[in-house]
């Protein structure tokens, strides 16, 4: 099969703007009244006015009482809200950060079973005779809380590929690209405010798959489930805006990522050597809604939407020549039901299947996902709620 070539799909240049506007709308507009009696205070609380309390009877300061954006007072109020410990979304990184000294490891397993291909007009074609592609990505998320609102995370990974096209077999395993992240939560949701918790994250990806000669799948991209999505073998940076909003019995999530791949001598499936290539930028956007069925065991369900768009341009203004075996302009959208539960008070798992919705100029695939959280509280103690 001749892999997809980059195509300037009409309207693609407008897609990231519309995604960003939609993301900002979701992040700033309340999905509903979080608490039946929550109204912003426009004047000092009268001495005879009842104070709001959580389920345990503990007083919670009202948002109009002058809570800071992310200071100790805001965190104290936030941690008294309904917010059971659970695995959270499989595909959507959370705006919250680990408390200082809390350490965790979360191995992910992302599968990709290619079934068909989308045309540049959104139609679906069957795969050519003899073409197949199965990909397994093992990703380790290792994070530690630095301050009350800052976290450092590293993402080592491995990839295994079983692929064939035009009589050529491309099987193998190797170390995939390595990503590091610094995340800063600049706003903590107040109990009486309809503004979500928000964090900014910066990701730096090193092309370790190129250094270790790991196999490169047609299209050169990891499964849709992975964050951030960068072309295999290309150094990249990915700024992101993350949000989470608590509105009992739901927790709502919305994220936006923008990836720039630096020009690099990258491996291209089906091509000899490592030519210098410049890929188009990648926009990723995620939405999720979570509900709990057992707060004590962290058992619940999440419905997650994942979207990804390869753009026909790069922010550096260089011409895009990462065509051929690498996808240029494309879109891919999927929807995943996720189940989560706590195995112990320190071990939490989640599992889901990302199903294809639609796309253009990309492969259609089913992506099963599985992860386990293993927490260590500060000083080896109990895990602290976010």
Protein backbone atom coordinates (compact mmCIF):
# COMPACT_ATOMS: atom_id res chain seq x y z
CA UNK A 1 0.00 0.00 0.00
CA UNK A 2 1.16 3.52 -0.68
CA UNK A 3 0.83 5.39 2.61
CA UNK A 4 -1.15 8.59 2.71
CA UNK A 5 0.43 11.75 1.43
CA UNK A 6 -0.08 15.12 2.97
CA UNK A 7 -3.09 16.90 1.55
CA UNK A 8 -4.39 20.40 2.15
CA UNK A 9 -7.90 19.55 3.23
CA UNK A 10 -10.28 22.49 2.87
CA UNK A 11 -11.05 24.04 6.22
CA UNK A 12 -8.18 22.40 8.06
CA UNK A 13 -6.51 25.70 8.80
CA UNK A 14 -9.62 26.79 10.68
CA UNK A 15 -9.93 23.62 12.73
CA UNK A 16 -7.47 24.42 15.55
CA UNK A 17 -9.11 27.83 16.08
CA UNK A 18 -12.57 26.31 16.37
CA UNK A 19 -11.23 23.59 18.69
CA UNK A 20 -9.60 26.20 20.90
CA UNK A 21 -12.77 28.33 21.04
CA UNK A 22 -14.84 25.27 21.91
CA UNK A 23 -12.31 24.32 24.57
CA UNK A 24 -12.39 27.80 26.11
CA UNK A 25 -16.19 27.75 26.08
CA UNK A 26 -16.27 24.41 27.93
CA UNK A 27 -13.63 25.65 30.38
CA UNK A 28 -15.41 28.86 31.36
CA UNK A 29 -19.13 28.09 31.15
CA UNK A 30 -20.71 26.13 33.98
CA UNK A 31 -22.16 22.77 32.89
CA UNK A 32 -24.73 23.10 35.65
CA UNK A 33 -25.15 24.25 39.21
CA UNK A 34 -22.50 22.46 41.27
CA UNK A 35 -24.39 22.89 44.51
CA UNK A 36 -28.03 23.77 44.96
CA UNK A 37 -27.24 26.64 47.29
CA UNK A 38 -24.08 27.96 45.62
CA UNK A 39 -24.47 31.61 44.63
CA UNK A 40 -21.54 34.03 44.24
CA UNK A 41 -21.35 36.47 47.15
CA UNK A 42 -21.53 40.09 46.06
CA UNK A 43 -21.39 41.56 49.56
CA UNK A 44 -19.80 40.63 52.91
CA UNK A 45 -21.48 37.69 54.59
CA UNK A 46 -23.85 38.85 57.27
CA UNK A 47 -23.12 37.69 60.78
CA UNK A 48 -26.43 35.87 61.01
CA UNK A 49 -26.10 34.16 57.57
CA UNK A 50 -25.59 30.40 57.60
CA UNK A 51 -22.16 29.23 56.56
CA UNK A 52 -21.94 26.57 53.89
CA UNK A 53 -20.81 23.16 55.10
CA UNK A 54 -19.66 19.96 53.49
CA UNK A 55 -21.16 16.54 54.27
CA UNK A 56 -19.15 16.26 57.48
CA UNK A 57 -20.40 19.60 58.79
CA UNK A 58 -17.07 21.39 58.27
CA UNK A 59 -17.42 25.02 57.28
CA UNK A 60 -16.33 25.87 53.73
CA UNK A 61 -15.44 29.49 52.94
CA UNK A 62 -17.59 31.07 50.25
CA UNK A 63 -15.89 32.20 47.06
CA UNK A 64 -16.88 35.77 47.83
CA UNK A 65 -14.93 35.60 51.10
CA UNK A 66 -11.72 36.32 49.23
CA UNK A 67 -10.19 32.93 48.46
CA UNK A 68 -6.96 33.13 46.48
CA UNK A 69 -6.54 31.52 43.08
CA UNK A 70 -4.39 28.60 44.24
CA UNK A 71 -3.13 29.40 47.74
CA UNK A 72 -3.42 27.31 50.93
CA UNK A 73 -6.86 28.79 51.66
CA UNK A 74 -8.21 27.77 48.26
CA UNK A 75 -6.69 24.28 48.57
CA UNK A 76 -8.19 23.79 52.03
CA UNK A 77 -11.65 24.64 50.74
CA UNK A 78 -11.15 22.56 47.59
CA UNK A 79 -10.13 19.43 49.50
CA UNK A 80 -13.36 19.55 51.50
CA UNK A 81 -15.45 19.35 48.35
CA UNK A 82 -16.83 16.08 47.04
CA UNK A 83 -13.86 14.57 45.18
CA UNK A 84 -13.35 10.81 45.77
CA UNK A 85 -9.95 9.31 44.93
CA UNK A 86 -10.11 7.40 41.64
CA UNK A 87 -8.07 6.67 38.53
CA UNK A 88 -9.70 9.42 36.51
CA UNK A 89 -9.75 9.61 32.70
CA UNK A 90 -7.67 7.23 30.64
CA UNK A 91 -7.13 9.71 27.80
CA UNK A 92 -7.34 13.13 29.49
CA UNK A 93 -4.57 14.39 31.80
CA UNK A 94 -6.01 16.16 34.83
CA UNK A 95 -5.52 19.78 35.81
CA UNK A 96 -4.81 18.75 39.40
CA UNK A 97 -1.28 18.20 40.67
CA UNK A 98 0.16 15.74 43.17
CA UNK A 99 0.74 17.21 46.68
CA UNK A 100 4.38 17.90 47.63
CA UNK A 101 6.28 14.65 48.11
CA UNK A 102 3.56 12.39 46.73
CA UNK A 103 4.99 9.98 44.17
CA UNK A 104 3.23 7.68 41.72
CA UNK A 105 3.85 5.33 38.82
CA UNK A 106 1.15 4.74 36.22
CA UNK A 107 1.95 2.25 33.44
CA UNK A 108 -0.30 2.57 30.37
CA UNK A 109 -0.86 -0.01 27.65
CA UNK A 110 -2.26 1.37 24.38
CA UNK A 111 -3.23 -0.98 21.58
CA UNK A 112 -4.05 -0.08 17.99
CA UNK A 113 -5.74 -2.50 15.62
CA UNK A 114 -6.05 -0.95 12.16
CA UNK A 115 -9.25 -1.90 10.34
CA UNK A 116 -9.76 0.55 7.46
CA UNK A 117 -8.70 3.95 6.18
CA UNK A 118 -10.38 7.35 5.89
CA UNK A 119 -10.16 9.26 2.63
CA UNK A 120 -9.51 13.01 2.44
CA UNK A 121 -13.29 13.53 2.15
CA UNK A 122 -14.15 11.44 5.21
CA UNK A 123 -15.18 8.27 3.43
CA UNK A 124 -14.07 4.85 4.64
CA UNK A 125 -12.19 2.38 2.43
CA UNK A 126 -11.09 -1.14 3.24
CA UNK A 127 -7.38 -1.83 3.58
CA UNK A 128 -5.56 -3.12 0.47
CA UNK A 129 -4.93 -6.82 0.22
CA UNK A 130 -1.89 -7.81 2.23
CA UNK A 131 -1.84 -4.65 4.37
CA UNK A 132 -2.08 -4.97 8.15
CA UNK A 133 -0.93 -2.94 11.13
CA UNK A 134 -1.08 -3.66 14.85
CA UNK A 135 0.69 -1.44 17.35
CA UNK A 136 1.25 -1.78 21.10
CA UNK A 137 2.62 1.16 23.06
CA UNK A 138 3.71 0.70 26.67
CA UNK A 139 3.97 4.05 28.39
CA UNK A 140 5.10 4.69 31.97
CA UNK A 141 3.92 7.87 33.70
CA UNK A 142 6.16 8.65 36.68
CA UNK A 143 5.19 11.78 38.61
CA UNK A 144 6.07 13.60 41.82
CA UNK A 145 4.55 16.64 43.49
CA UNK A 146 7.04 19.50 43.85
CA UNK A 147 4.83 22.13 45.50
CA UNK A 148 1.11 22.43 46.21
CA UNK A 149 0.58 23.42 42.56
CA UNK A 150 3.60 22.10 40.64
CA UNK A 151 4.40 18.61 39.42
CA UNK A 152 7.16 16.98 37.39
CA UNK A 153 6.42 13.92 35.27
CA UNK A 154 8.48 11.73 32.97
CA UNK A 155 7.05 9.33 30.35
CA UNK A 156 9.41 6.54 29.20
CA UNK A 157 7.85 4.19 26.63
CA UNK A 158 8.33 1.19 24.39
CA UNK A 159 6.64 0.32 21.10
CA UNK A 160 5.95 -3.00 19.40
CA UNK A 161 4.82 -3.14 15.78
CA UNK A 162 3.43 -5.84 13.53
CA UNK A 163 2.93 -4.39 10.06
CA UNK A 164 3.02 -5.42 6.44
CA UNK A 165 2.39 -3.75 3.06
CA UNK A 166 3.31 -4.46 -0.56
CA UNK A 167 4.96 -7.72 0.47
CA UNK A 168 7.30 -6.02 2.96
CA UNK A 169 7.15 -6.95 6.64
CA UNK A 170 7.91 -4.38 9.34
CA UNK A 171 7.90 -6.12 12.72
CA UNK A 172 9.89 -5.26 15.81
CA UNK A 173 10.08 -3.63 19.23
CA UNK A 174 12.17 -0.86 20.74
CA UNK A 175 12.29 2.12 23.05
CA UNK A 176 9.87 4.80 21.92
CA UNK A 177 10.18 8.55 22.39
CA UNK A 178 10.70 9.99 25.88
CA UNK A 179 8.56 12.88 27.12
CA UNK A 180 9.08 15.08 30.20
CA UNK A 181 6.46 17.43 31.64
CA UNK A 182 6.27 20.35 34.04
CA UNK A 183 2.73 21.20 35.14
CA UNK A 184 1.58 24.26 37.09
CA UNK A 185 -1.97 24.58 38.45
CA UNK A 186 -2.72 28.30 38.46
CA UNK A 187 -6.37 28.13 39.57
CA UNK A 188 -8.10 25.81 42.04
CA UNK A 189 -11.86 25.49 41.77
CA UNK A 190 -13.65 27.37 44.56
CA UNK A 191 -16.69 25.69 46.15
CA UNK A 192 -19.02 28.51 45.10
CA UNK A 193 -17.50 29.53 41.79
CA UNK A 194 -18.39 28.15 38.38
CA UNK A 195 -14.77 28.29 37.19
CA UNK A 196 -12.86 24.99 36.73
CA UNK A 197 -9.46 24.14 38.12
CA UNK A 198 -6.93 25.07 35.45
CA UNK A 199 -3.29 24.14 34.81
CA UNK A 200 -0.66 24.86 32.19
CA UNK A 201 1.71 22.06 31.17
CA UNK A 202 4.80 22.06 28.99
CA UNK A 203 6.01 18.80 27.43
CA UNK A 204 9.42 18.19 25.87
CA UNK A 205 9.80 15.04 23.75
CA UNK A 206 13.16 13.50 22.87
CA UNK A 207 13.48 11.29 19.74
CA UNK A 208 14.75 8.18 21.55
CA UNK A 209 12.91 5.93 19.08
CA UNK A 210 15.24 7.25 16.35
CA UNK A 211 18.32 6.79 18.54
CA UNK A 212 17.39 3.15 19.26
CA UNK A 213 16.17 2.35 15.70
CA UNK A 214 12.71 1.40 16.92
CA UNK A 215 10.25 0.34 14.18
CA UNK A 216 8.18 3.14 12.61
CA UNK A 217 4.56 2.38 11.64
CA UNK A 218 3.01 3.73 8.43
CA UNK A 219 1.85 7.24 9.27
CA UNK A 220 4.61 7.58 11.88
CA UNK A 221 2.22 8.33 14.76
CA UNK A 222 1.45 6.59 18.06
CA UNK A 223 -2.09 5.42 18.91
CA UNK A 224 -4.68 8.21 19.23
CA UNK A 225 -4.88 7.58 22.97
CA UNK A 226 -1.37 8.85 23.68
CA UNK A 227 -0.68 12.36 25.01
CA UNK A 228 1.19 14.13 23.60
CA UNK A 229 1.07 12.76 20.07
CA UNK A 230 4.34 13.41 18.24
CA UNK A 231 5.82 11.86 15.12
CA UNK A 232 8.12 8.99 16.04
CA UNK A 233 11.74 10.06 15.88
CA UNK A 234 11.19 13.83 15.93
CA UNK A 235 12.04 16.14 18.88
CA UNK A 236 8.99 18.15 19.90
CA UNK A 237 7.50 20.60 22.37
CA UNK A 238 3.85 20.54 23.43
CA UNK A 239 2.22 23.28 25.52
CA UNK A 240 -1.16 22.36 26.97
CA UNK A 241 -4.08 23.85 28.88
CA UNK A 242 -5.88 21.45 31.25
CA UNK A 243 -9.16 21.91 33.14
CA UNK A 244 -11.33 19.97 35.60
CA UNK A 245 -14.71 20.97 37.05
CA UNK A 246 -16.48 19.26 39.96
CA UNK A 247 -20.28 19.31 39.87
CA UNK A 248 -21.43 16.42 42.07
CA UNK A 249 -22.11 13.69 40.98
CA UNK A 250 -19.98 14.53 37.92
CA UNK A 251 -16.41 15.60 37.21
CA UNK A 252 -15.91 17.24 33.82
CA UNK A 253 -12.63 17.52 31.91
CA UNK A 254 -11.39 19.49 28.91
CA UNK A 255 -7.82 19.72 27.56
CA UNK A 256 -6.08 21.26 24.55
CA UNK A 257 -2.55 20.37 23.31
CA UNK A 258 -0.49 21.89 20.51
CA UNK A 259 2.60 20.02 19.29
CA UNK A 260 5.48 21.42 17.24
CA UNK A 261 7.96 18.90 15.82
CA UNK A 262 11.42 20.32 15.19
CA UNK A 263 13.03 19.59 11.79
CA UNK A 264 14.95 16.37 12.24
CA UNK A 265 16.65 13.51 10.42
CA UNK A 266 13.85 11.04 11.07
CA UNK A 267 13.18 7.46 10.11
CA UNK A 268 10.37 7.10 7.59
CA UNK A 269 8.72 3.74 7.08
CA UNK A 270 9.40 2.42 3.60
CA UNK A 271 12.18 4.93 2.89
CA UNK A 272 15.93 4.30 3.21
CA UNK A 273 18.09 6.36 5.54
CA UNK A 274 16.90 9.24 7.70
CA UNK A 275 16.13 12.29 5.58
CA UNK A 276 15.63 15.76 7.07
CA UNK A 277 11.89 16.27 7.43
CA UNK A 278 9.57 19.00 8.71
CA UNK A 279 6.19 17.76 9.90
CA UNK A 280 3.00 19.76 10.23
CA UNK A 281 1.95 20.76 13.74
CA UNK A 282 -0.56 18.61 15.64
CA UNK A 283 -3.57 19.84 17.64
CA UNK A 284 -5.16 17.52 20.20
CA UNK A 285 -8.38 18.18 22.09
CA UNK A 286 -10.02 16.03 24.75
CA UNK A 287 -13.36 16.12 26.62
CA UNK A 288 -14.60 13.81 29.37
CA UNK A 289 -17.45 13.30 31.85
CA UNK A 290 -16.98 11.08 34.92
CA UNK A 291 -19.52 9.79 37.44
CA UNK A 292 -18.97 7.61 40.50
CA UNK A 293 -21.11 4.65 41.57
CA UNK A 294 -19.13 4.00 44.76
CA UNK A 295 -17.13 6.83 46.31
CA UNK A 296 -15.40 4.60 48.85
CA UNK A 297 -13.95 2.18 46.28
CA UNK A 298 -13.39 4.79 43.56
CA UNK A 299 -15.59 2.79 41.19
CA UNK A 300 -17.05 4.76 38.33
CA UNK A 301 -17.51 5.29 34.63
CA UNK A 302 -16.07 7.92 32.26
CA UNK A 303 -17.09 8.84 28.73
CA UNK A 304 -14.10 10.32 26.91
CA UNK A 305 -13.81 12.06 23.55
CA UNK A 306 -10.39 12.26 21.85
CA UNK A 307 -9.68 14.33 18.74
CA UNK A 308 -6.48 14.94 16.82
CA UNK A 309 -5.73 17.10 13.78
CA UNK A 310 -2.54 17.15 11.75
CA UNK A 311 -2.10 20.63 10.30
CA UNK A 312 -0.79 21.47 6.81
CA UNK A 313 1.65 24.04 8.24
CA UNK A 314 4.21 24.55 11.00
CA UNK A 315 4.55 27.56 13.31
CA UNK A 316 8.16 28.03 12.19
CA UNK A 317 6.97 28.82 8.66
CA UNK A 318 9.14 26.13 7.04
CA UNK A 319 7.59 24.16 4.17
CA UNK A 320 6.18 20.79 5.17
CA UNK A 321 7.99 17.89 3.55
CA UNK A 322 7.02 15.14 6.00
CA UNK A 323 4.71 13.56 3.44
CA UNK A 324 5.15 10.18 1.87
CA UNK A 325 5.09 7.62 4.65
CA UNK A 326 4.16 10.26 7.25
CA UNK A 327 0.72 11.82 7.38
CA UNK A 328 0.45 15.54 6.76
CA UNK A 329 -3.00 17.14 7.08
CA UNK A 330 -5.50 14.80 8.73
CA UNK A 331 -8.27 14.50 11.32
CA UNK A 332 -9.21 11.61 13.59
CA UNK A 333 -11.91 11.41 16.27
CA UNK A 334 -12.79 8.69 18.75
CA UNK A 335 -15.07 8.02 21.74
CA UNK A 336 -14.20 5.79 24.69
CA UNK A 337 -16.20 4.37 27.61
CA UNK A 338 -13.85 3.83 30.57
CA UNK A 339 -14.30 1.82 33.77
CA UNK A 340 -12.28 2.58 36.91
CA UNK A 341 -11.93 1.12 40.40
CA UNK A 342 -9.54 1.09 43.37
CA UNK A 343 -7.83 -2.26 43.98
CA UNK A 344 -6.31 -1.06 47.28
CA UNK A 345 -5.97 2.37 48.88
CA UNK A 346 -2.72 2.83 46.92
CA UNK A 347 -3.38 0.88 43.70
CA UNK A 348 -6.01 2.06 41.22
CA UNK A 349 -6.83 0.76 37.75
CA UNK A 350 -8.86 1.79 34.72
CA UNK A 351 -9.70 0.16 31.39
CA UNK A 352 -11.47 1.30 28.23
CA UNK A 353 -11.78 0.94 24.46
CA UNK A 354 -11.42 3.94 22.13
CA UNK A 355 -13.81 3.46 19.21
CA UNK A 356 -13.49 5.38 15.92
CA UNK A 357 -16.11 8.04 15.11
CA UNK A 358 -14.83 9.70 11.93
CA UNK A 359 -11.69 11.00 10.28
CA UNK A 360 -9.96 12.22 7.13
CA UNK A 361 -6.73 11.04 5.53
CA UNK A 362 -5.95 8.64 8.38
CA UNK A 363 -6.21 5.00 9.36
CA UNK A 364 -9.32 3.80 11.17
CA UNK A 365 -8.55 1.68 14.20
CA UNK A 366 -9.84 0.35 17.51
CA UNK A 367 -7.68 1.22 20.53
CA UNK A 368 -8.04 -0.74 23.79
CA UNK A 369 -6.36 0.92 26.78
CA UNK A 370 -5.43 -0.14 30.29
CA UNK A 371 -3.59 1.55 33.15
CA UNK A 372 -2.70 1.09 36.82
CA UNK A 373 -1.95 3.85 39.32
CA UNK A 374 0.45 3.02 42.16
CA UNK A 375 0.67 5.83 44.71
CA UNK A 376 3.01 6.57 47.59
CA UNK A 377 1.84 9.32 49.90
CA UNK A 378 4.27 11.97 51.21
CA UNK A 379 6.81 10.26 53.47
CA UNK A 380 5.27 6.87 52.67
CA UNK A 381 1.97 7.84 54.32
CA UNK A 382 -1.57 7.86 53.00
CA UNK A 383 -2.41 9.28 49.61
CA UNK A 384 -3.70 12.85 49.84
CA UNK A 385 -6.66 13.87 47.74
CA UNK A 386 -5.80 16.25 44.95
